C-alpha atoms as a PDB file:
ATOM      1  CA  MET A   1       8.338  38.220  -5.306  1.00  0.00           C
ATOM      2  CA  SER A   2       6.861  35.677  -2.917  1.00  0.00           C
ATOM      3  CA  ASP A   3       3.282  35.594  -1.710  1.00  0.00           C
ATOM      4  CA  ILE A   4       2.493  36.969   1.716  1.00  0.00           C
ATOM      5  CA  THR A   5       1.638  33.944   3.804  1.00  0.00           C
ATOM      6  CA  ARG A   6       1.428  33.233   7.507  1.00  0.00           C
ATOM      7  CA  ARG A   7       4.579  31.133   7.225  1.00  0.00           C
ATOM      8  CA  ASN A   8       6.537  33.942   5.490  1.00  0.00           C
ATOM      9  CA  ILE A   9       5.440  36.457   8.114  1.00  0.00           C
ATOM     10  CA  LEU A  10       6.431  34.078  10.936  1.00  0.00           C
ATOM     11  CA  GLN A  11       9.818  33.419   9.368  1.00  0.00           C
ATOM     12  CA  ALA A  12      10.560  37.106   8.838  1.00  0.00           C
ATOM     13  CA  SER A  13       9.402  38.125  12.316  1.00  0.00           C
ATOM     14  CA  THR A  14      11.374  35.280  13.884  1.00  0.00           C
ATOM     15  CA  ILE A  15      14.564  36.478  12.229  1.00  0.00           C
ATOM     16  CA  VAL A  16      14.023  40.018  13.512  1.00  0.00           C
ATOM     17  CA  ALA A  17      12.900  38.954  16.993  1.00  0.00           C
ATOM     18  CA  GLY A  18      15.589  36.275  17.235  1.00  0.00           C
ATOM     19  CA  THR A  19      18.334  38.710  16.360  1.00  0.00           C
ATOM     20  CA  ALA A  20      17.080  41.193  18.947  1.00  0.00           C
ATOM     21  CA  ALA A  21      16.726  38.478  21.585  1.00  0.00           C
ATOM     22  CA  LEU A  22      20.268  37.158  21.173  1.00  0.00           C
ATOM     23  CA  ASN A  23      21.585  40.066  23.205  1.00  0.00           C
ATOM     24  CA  GLN A  24      19.186  39.196  26.019  1.00  0.00           C
ATOM     25  CA  LEU A  25      20.129  35.509  26.451  1.00  0.00           C
ATOM     26  CA  PRO A  26      22.052  34.478  29.556  1.00  0.00           C
ATOM     27  CA  SER A  27      25.692  33.824  28.896  1.00  0.00           C
ATOM     28  CA  VAL A  28      26.595  30.391  27.606  1.00  0.00           C
ATOM     29  CA  ALA A  29      30.236  30.978  28.490  1.00  0.00           C
ATOM     30  CA  THR A  30      31.944  28.331  30.580  1.00  0.00           C
ATOM     31  CA  ALA A  31      33.894  29.127  33.729  1.00  0.00           C
ATOM     32  CA  SER A  32      37.182  28.460  31.908  1.00  0.00           C
ATOM     33  CA  GLU A  33      36.285  31.127  29.331  1.00  0.00           C
ATOM     34  CA  ARG A  34      35.751  33.704  32.087  1.00  0.00           C
ATOM     35  CA  PRO A  35      38.287  32.987  34.823  1.00  0.00           C
ATOM     36  CA  GLY A  36      37.319  34.461  38.170  1.00  0.00           C
ATOM     37  CA  THR A  37      33.745  35.129  37.080  1.00  0.00           C
ATOM     38  CA  PRO A  38      31.162  32.856  38.726  1.00  0.00           C
ATOM     39  CA  ILE A  39      28.582  31.451  36.341  1.00  0.00           C
ATOM     40  CA  GLN A  40      25.024  31.534  37.700  1.00  0.00           C
ATOM     41  CA  PRO A  41      23.349  28.275  36.581  1.00  0.00           C
ATOM     42  CA  GLN A  42      20.146  28.807  34.608  1.00  0.00           C
ATOM     43  CA  LYS A  43      17.286  26.513  33.680  1.00  0.00           C
ATOM     44  CA  VAL A  44      16.926  26.052  29.920  1.00  0.00           C
ATOM     45  CA  VAL A  45      13.961  24.365  28.203  1.00  0.00           C
ATOM     46  CA  VAL A  46      14.114  23.262  24.565  1.00  0.00           C
ATOM     47  CA  ALA A  47      10.747  22.177  23.139  1.00  0.00           C
ATOM     48  CA  GLY A  48      10.109  20.050  20.067  1.00  0.00           C
ATOM     49  CA  GLY A  49       7.207  18.184  18.563  1.00  0.00           C
ATOM     50  CA  HIS A  50       8.933  14.827  18.118  1.00  0.00           C
ATOM     51  CA  PRO A  51      12.046  12.975  19.220  1.00  0.00           C
ATOM     52  CA  ASP A  52      14.999  14.420  17.281  1.00  0.00           C
ATOM     53  CA  ASP A  53      13.490  17.914  16.839  1.00  0.00           C
ATOM     54  CA  PRO A  54      15.329  19.619  19.745  1.00  0.00           C
ATOM     55  CA  GLU A  55      18.623  17.858  19.081  1.00  0.00           C
ATOM     56  CA  SER A  56      18.457  18.375  15.305  1.00  0.00           C
ATOM     57  CA  GLY A  57      17.441  21.997  15.673  1.00  0.00           C
ATOM     58  CA  CYS A  58      19.896  23.119  18.331  1.00  0.00           C
ATOM     59  CA  GLY A  59      21.893  20.188  19.686  1.00  0.00           C
ATOM     60  CA  GLY A  60      25.051  22.294  19.853  1.00  0.00           C
ATOM     61  CA  THR A  61      23.289  24.953  21.909  1.00  0.00           C
ATOM     62  CA  ILE A  62      21.856  22.300  24.232  1.00  0.00           C
ATOM     63  CA  ALA A  63      25.298  20.754  24.780  1.00  0.00           C
ATOM     64  CA  ARG A  64      26.939  24.143  25.254  1.00  0.00           C
ATOM     65  CA  TYR A  65      24.428  25.266  27.900  1.00  0.00           C
ATOM     66  CA  ALA A  66      24.795  21.912  29.704  1.00  0.00           C
ATOM     67  CA  ASP A  67      28.598  22.019  29.529  1.00  0.00           C
ATOM     68  CA  ALA A  68      28.488  25.530  31.014  1.00  0.00           C
ATOM     69  CA  GLY A  69      26.681  24.116  34.059  1.00  0.00           C
ATOM     70  CA  HIS A  70      23.109  25.028  33.190  1.00  0.00           C
ATOM     71  CA  GLU A  71      20.186  22.625  33.674  1.00  0.00           C
ATOM     72  CA  VAL A  72      18.758  21.750  30.251  1.00  0.00           C
ATOM     73  CA  VAL A  73      15.443  19.966  29.695  1.00  0.00           C
ATOM     74  CA  ALA A  74      14.370  18.750  26.238  1.00  0.00           C
ATOM     75  CA  ILE A  75      10.582  18.548  26.006  1.00  0.00           C
ATOM     76  CA  TYR A  76       9.050  16.272  23.371  1.00  0.00           C
ATOM     77  CA  LEU A  77       5.326  16.723  22.718  1.00  0.00           C
ATOM     78  CA  THR A  78       5.092  13.200  21.265  1.00  0.00           C
ATOM     79  CA  ARG A  79       7.150  10.040  21.306  1.00  0.00           C
ATOM     80  CA  GLY A  80       7.268   9.937  17.488  1.00  0.00           C
ATOM     81  CA  GLU A  81       4.740   7.112  17.135  1.00  0.00           C
ATOM     82  CA  ALA A  82       3.887   7.881  13.536  1.00  0.00           C
ATOM     83  CA  GLY A  83       7.440   8.540  12.410  1.00  0.00           C
ATOM     84  CA  MET A  84       8.388   5.058  11.237  1.00  0.00           C
ATOM     85  CA  PRO A  85       6.235   3.765   8.377  1.00  0.00           C
ATOM     86  CA  GLY A  86       5.776   0.005   8.526  1.00  0.00           C
ATOM     87  CA  THR A  87       6.289  -0.072  12.308  1.00  0.00           C
ATOM     88  CA  SER A  88       3.534  -0.184  14.914  1.00  0.00           C
ATOM     89  CA  TYR A  89       2.939   3.024  16.883  1.00  0.00           C
ATOM     90  CA  GLU A  90       4.025   1.258  20.075  1.00  0.00           C
ATOM     91  CA  GLU A  91       7.306  -0.009  18.604  1.00  0.00           C
ATOM     92  CA  ALA A  92       8.094   3.308  16.907  1.00  0.00           C
ATOM     93  CA  ALA A  93       7.412   5.175  20.173  1.00  0.00           C
ATOM     94  CA  ARG A  94       9.708   2.795  22.063  1.00  0.00           C
ATOM     95  CA  ILE A  95      12.541   3.156  19.525  1.00  0.00           C
ATOM     96  CA  ARG A  96      12.294   6.921  19.093  1.00  0.00           C
ATOM     97  CA  SER A  97      11.923   7.571  22.823  1.00  0.00           C
ATOM     98  CA  ALA A  98      15.049   5.516  23.508  1.00  0.00           C
ATOM     99  CA  GLU A  99      16.912   7.471  20.811  1.00  0.00           C
ATOM    100  CA  ALA A 100      15.825  10.768  22.370  1.00  0.00           C
ATOM    101  CA  GLU A 101      16.884   9.619  25.828  1.00  0.00           C
ATOM    102  CA  LYS A 102      20.288   8.551  24.470  1.00  0.00           C
ATOM    103  CA  ALA A 103      20.722  11.899  22.680  1.00  0.00           C
ATOM    104  CA  CYS A 104      19.841  13.761  25.876  1.00  0.00           C
ATOM    105  CA  LYS A 105      22.354  11.711  27.828  1.00  0.00           C
ATOM    106  CA  THR A 106      25.044  12.584  25.270  1.00  0.00           C
ATOM    107  CA  MET A 107      24.147  16.290  25.457  1.00  0.00           C
ATOM    108  CA  LYS A 108      23.779  16.181  29.284  1.00  0.00           C
ATOM    109  CA  ALA A 109      20.130  17.219  29.084  1.00  0.00           C
ATOM    110  CA  ARG A 110      17.053  15.708  30.699  1.00  0.00           C
ATOM    111  CA  PRO A 111      14.251  14.405  28.439  1.00  0.00           C
ATOM    112  CA  LEU A 112      10.621  15.128  29.270  1.00  0.00           C
ATOM    113  CA  PHE A 113       7.759  13.633  27.247  1.00  0.00           C
ATOM    114  CA  ALA A 114       4.496  15.621  27.198  1.00  0.00           C
ATOM    115  CA  GLY A 115       2.246  12.738  26.250  1.00  0.00           C
ATOM    116  CA  GLN A 116       0.639  14.039  23.068  1.00  0.00           C
ATOM    117  CA  SER A 117      -0.328  11.039  20.941  1.00  0.00           C
ATOM    118  CA  MET A 118       0.385  11.111  17.240  1.00  0.00           C
ATOM    119  CA  ALA A 119      -1.601   7.890  17.027  1.00  0.00           C
ATOM    120  CA  ALA A 120      -4.734   9.806  18.041  1.00  0.00           C
ATOM    121  CA  GLN A 121      -3.889  12.581  15.587  1.00  0.00           C
ATOM    122  CA  ARG A 122      -3.494  10.213  12.655  1.00  0.00           C
ATOM    123  CA  SER A 123      -6.391   7.927  13.382  1.00  0.00           C
ATOM    124  CA  PRO A 124      -9.481   8.594  11.244  1.00  0.00           C
ATOM    125  CA  THR A 125     -11.626   7.263  14.098  1.00  0.00           C
ATOM    126  CA  SER A 126     -10.200   9.615  16.736  1.00  0.00           C
ATOM    127  CA  ASP A 127     -12.755  11.726  18.599  1.00  0.00           C
ATOM    128  CA  ILE A 128     -10.108  14.366  19.245  1.00  0.00           C
ATOM    129  CA  PRO A 129      -9.372  16.724  16.345  1.00  0.00           C
ATOM    130  CA  ASN A 130      -5.702  17.347  15.561  1.00  0.00           C
ATOM    131  CA  SER A 131      -5.625  20.924  16.823  1.00  0.00           C
ATOM    132  CA  SER A 132      -7.476  20.077  20.044  1.00  0.00           C
ATOM    133  CA  ASN A 133      -5.148  17.168  20.753  1.00  0.00           C
ATOM    134  CA  CYS A 134      -2.118  19.377  20.196  1.00  0.00           C
ATOM    135  CA  CYS A 135      -3.507  22.194  22.328  1.00  0.00           C
ATOM    136  CA  MET A 136      -4.334  19.802  25.173  1.00  0.00           C
ATOM    137  CA  ALA A 137      -0.758  18.492  25.177  1.00  0.00           C
ATOM    138  CA  LYS A 138       0.693  21.997  25.060  1.00  0.00           C
ATOM    139  CA  SER A 139      -1.587  23.048  27.889  1.00  0.00           C
ATOM    140  CA  ARG A 140      -0.573  20.035  30.013  1.00  0.00           C
ATOM    141  CA  ILE A 141       3.115  20.602  29.444  1.00  0.00           C
ATOM    142  CA  SER A 142       3.076  24.366  29.892  1.00  0.00           C
ATOM    143  CA  SER A 143       0.888  24.414  32.977  1.00  0.00           C
ATOM    144  CA  SER A 144       2.621  21.571  34.762  1.00  0.00           C
ATOM    145  CA  SER A 145       6.177  20.908  33.713  1.00  0.00           C
ATOM    146  CA  ILE A 146       7.389  24.246  32.388  1.00  0.00           C
ATOM    147  CA  GLY A 147       5.768  26.082  35.266  1.00  0.00           C
ATOM    148  CA  GLN A 148       7.576  23.843  37.752  1.00  0.00           C
ATOM    149  CA  LEU A 149      10.880  24.216  35.894  1.00  0.00           C
ATOM    150  CA  THR A 150      10.815  28.038  35.964  1.00  0.00           C
ATOM    151  CA  PRO A 151      13.153  28.307  32.965  1.00  0.00           C
ATOM    152  CA  MET A 152      15.208  31.382  32.241  1.00  0.00           C
ATOM    153  CA  VAL A 153      15.525  30.396  28.558  1.00  0.00           C
ATOM    154  CA  ILE A 154      12.898  28.667  26.401  1.00  0.00           C
ATOM    155  CA  ILE A 155      13.874  27.562  22.902  1.00  0.00           C
ATOM    156  CA  GLY A 156      11.204  26.358  20.477  1.00  0.00           C
ATOM    157  CA  GLN A 157      10.756  25.862  16.772  1.00  0.00           C
ATOM    158  CA  LEU A 158       8.640  27.389  14.050  1.00  0.00           C
ATOM    159  CA  PRO A 159       5.359  25.614  13.344  1.00  0.00           C
ATOM    160  CA  CYS A 160       5.303  23.571  10.145  1.00  0.00           C
END
């Protein structure tokens, strides 16, 4: 028997909620799969913390929505600055951002970077605590970009 933790509760509730929500998602069918039935394009937002999170988590879903004619935006909270040990934050951000942009091009999605800095999170001299930095980035992205996108579908990931 496992301990009752926040993570276990989130995982269990996500499975239940996710299963229930599947019936509510707009169709991902392509026009060729439903001849004579017009497909109403939807706006789809997939959010991830770092470059490679959206594509690793649901790249097939992203590509399928895009191939069906829907507008798909992949939102990255950071540029992955701290994700390459032995590489400067600037160089890692450049490399990982380019990889994310290339992945989005392959999947026919549009990348959008929120501007959260992992460099500030990891720095012991930062004046901004981790949670505040994260919340500020989420607030910026949700109040500006997502609000302007008016998505019909928002796909995210469980917190670590």
